[in-house]
């Protein structure tokens, strides 16, 4: 029985902290080298996983998020009610409102005037505080 080196695509994605769709895009763009096993499944060599896992990150806060639609802007308002909060981020021509926990507001230090990024994926909005 042949033994295949490397991780299956899903396992590699989890190890790197991205989605399998991201790895497929990287492969098509030539940013990731994969092989195929006898069942025609993609395998990612361990060296590739290590390279991508330690590589430079574009985003520090929330770097494990895999959202394509990111809206950097400035917090316009924060309304806290009990354990939940509404955070409005003015991002260029867009005004994004996210319902987050009060703890997230405190942890991220969100307040009017603070730079932040709204990361939108499907029907969820995730908020991360911008660095720099």
Protein backbone atom coordinates (compact mmCIF):
# COMPACT_ATOMS: atom_id res chain seq x y z
CA UNK A 1 0.00 0.00 0.00
CA UNK A 2 1.38 3.41 -0.99
CA UNK A 3 1.98 5.93 1.74
CA UNK A 4 1.28 9.57 0.99
CA UNK A 5 3.15 12.45 2.50
CA UNK A 6 1.40 15.62 3.51
CA UNK A 7 -1.94 16.56 4.94
CA UNK A 8 -5.33 16.32 3.34
CA UNK A 9 -6.60 19.74 2.24
CA UNK A 10 -9.05 20.14 5.15
CA UNK A 11 -6.40 19.19 7.72
CA UNK A 12 -3.91 21.59 6.15
CA UNK A 13 -6.48 24.41 6.17
CA UNK A 14 -7.12 23.88 9.90
CA UNK A 15 -3.39 23.80 10.63
CA UNK A 16 -2.83 27.07 8.78
CA UNK A 17 -6.02 28.71 10.03
CA UNK A 18 -7.75 29.33 6.71
CA UNK A 19 -10.63 27.74 4.79
CA UNK A 20 -10.27 24.94 2.25
CA UNK A 21 -11.61 27.39 -0.37
CA UNK A 22 -8.69 29.71 0.43
CA UNK A 23 -6.22 26.85 -0.12
CA UNK A 24 -7.88 25.99 -3.45
CA UNK A 25 -7.57 29.65 -4.55
CA UNK A 26 -3.93 29.73 -3.45
CA UNK A 27 -3.28 26.55 -5.44
CA UNK A 28 -4.87 28.03 -8.59
CA UNK A 29 -2.85 31.23 -8.11
CA UNK A 30 0.40 29.26 -7.73
CA UNK A 31 0.86 30.26 -4.08
CA UNK A 32 0.46 26.68 -2.82
CA UNK A 33 1.94 23.43 -4.10
CA UNK A 34 -0.18 20.30 -3.68
CA UNK A 35 -0.02 16.70 -4.83
CA UNK A 36 -2.76 14.13 -5.44
CA UNK A 37 -3.05 10.74 -3.79
CA UNK A 38 -4.40 7.53 -5.37
CA UNK A 39 -7.97 8.61 -4.53
CA UNK A 40 -7.30 11.94 -6.33
CA UNK A 41 -7.49 13.90 -3.06
CA UNK A 42 -5.30 16.96 -2.68
CA UNK A 43 -2.38 16.61 -0.29
CA UNK A 44 -0.41 19.54 1.04
CA UNK A 45 3.23 18.72 1.82
CA UNK A 46 4.20 19.41 5.47
CA UNK A 47 6.81 21.91 4.31
CA UNK A 48 4.10 23.96 2.59
CA UNK A 49 1.92 23.88 5.72
CA UNK A 50 4.84 25.01 7.87
CA UNK A 51 5.77 27.76 5.41
CA UNK A 52 2.24 29.14 5.27
CA UNK A 53 1.61 28.78 9.01
CA UNK A 54 4.68 30.87 9.89
CA UNK A 55 4.44 33.28 6.95
CA UNK A 56 3.69 36.99 7.23
CA UNK A 57 0.16 37.91 8.18
CA UNK A 58 -1.79 40.77 6.63
CA UNK A 59 -3.94 41.12 9.73
CA UNK A 60 -2.90 40.70 13.32
CA UNK A 61 -6.24 40.86 15.13
CA UNK A 62 -8.53 38.13 13.85
CA UNK A 63 -5.84 36.62 11.64
CA UNK A 64 -7.69 33.31 11.72
CA UNK A 65 -10.74 34.84 10.05
CA UNK A 66 -11.29 33.87 6.46
CA UNK A 67 -13.54 36.62 5.21
CA UNK A 68 -13.15 38.20 1.79
CA UNK A 69 -15.21 41.31 2.49
CA UNK A 70 -13.32 43.52 4.93
CA UNK A 71 -14.37 47.10 5.61
CA UNK A 72 -11.71 49.12 7.44
CA UNK A 73 -13.08 52.26 9.02
CA UNK A 74 -13.73 54.10 12.25
CA UNK A 75 -16.19 53.27 15.02
CA UNK A 76 -19.04 55.80 14.79
CA UNK A 77 -21.07 54.63 17.80
CA UNK A 78 -21.30 51.90 20.42
CA UNK A 79 -24.64 51.19 22.15
CA UNK A 80 -24.40 48.75 25.04
CA UNK A 81 -27.55 47.08 26.41
CA UNK A 82 -26.98 44.34 28.96
CA UNK A 83 -24.63 41.70 27.59
CA UNK A 84 -24.98 42.82 23.95
CA UNK A 85 -23.83 45.88 22.02
CA UNK A 86 -24.40 47.48 18.63
CA UNK A 87 -21.26 48.81 16.99
CA UNK A 88 -21.50 51.13 13.97
CA UNK A 89 -18.41 51.37 11.78
CA UNK A 90 -18.14 54.06 9.14
CA UNK A 91 -16.10 52.49 6.35
CA UNK A 92 -15.81 54.90 3.45
CA UNK A 93 -19.25 55.14 1.87
CA UNK A 94 -20.50 52.20 3.97
CA UNK A 95 -22.02 52.18 7.44
CA UNK A 96 -21.80 48.70 8.95
CA UNK A 97 -23.67 47.80 12.13
CA UNK A 98 -22.63 44.70 14.07
CA UNK A 99 -24.32 43.09 17.06
CA UNK A 100 -21.52 41.86 19.33
CA UNK A 101 -21.13 41.01 22.98
CA UNK A 102 -20.36 43.64 25.58
CA UNK A 103 -17.22 41.63 26.41
CA UNK A 104 -16.05 41.95 22.78
CA UNK A 105 -16.47 45.73 22.93
CA UNK A 106 -14.43 45.85 26.15
CA UNK A 107 -11.79 43.40 24.91
CA UNK A 108 -11.29 45.26 21.62
CA UNK A 109 -11.46 48.67 23.25
CA UNK A 110 -14.15 49.82 20.82
CA UNK A 111 -15.38 53.38 21.23
CA UNK A 112 -16.30 56.23 18.88
CA UNK A 113 -13.26 57.34 16.88
CA UNK A 114 -11.35 54.05 17.25
CA UNK A 115 -10.12 52.47 13.97
CA UNK A 116 -11.73 49.05 13.37
CA UNK A 117 -12.47 46.63 10.56
CA UNK A 118 -15.80 44.92 9.89
CA UNK A 119 -15.21 41.49 8.36
CA UNK A 120 -18.39 40.32 6.62
CA UNK A 121 -18.96 36.68 5.75
CA UNK A 122 -22.40 35.36 4.77
CA UNK A 123 -24.87 36.90 7.21
CA UNK A 124 -22.36 37.39 10.02
CA UNK A 125 -20.35 40.51 10.75
CA UNK A 126 -17.16 40.10 12.77
CA UNK A 127 -15.35 43.13 14.19
CA UNK A 128 -11.66 43.48 14.87
CA UNK A 129 -9.78 46.47 16.13
CA UNK A 130 -7.43 47.91 13.53
CA UNK A 131 -3.76 48.09 14.41
CA UNK A 132 -1.60 51.05 13.59
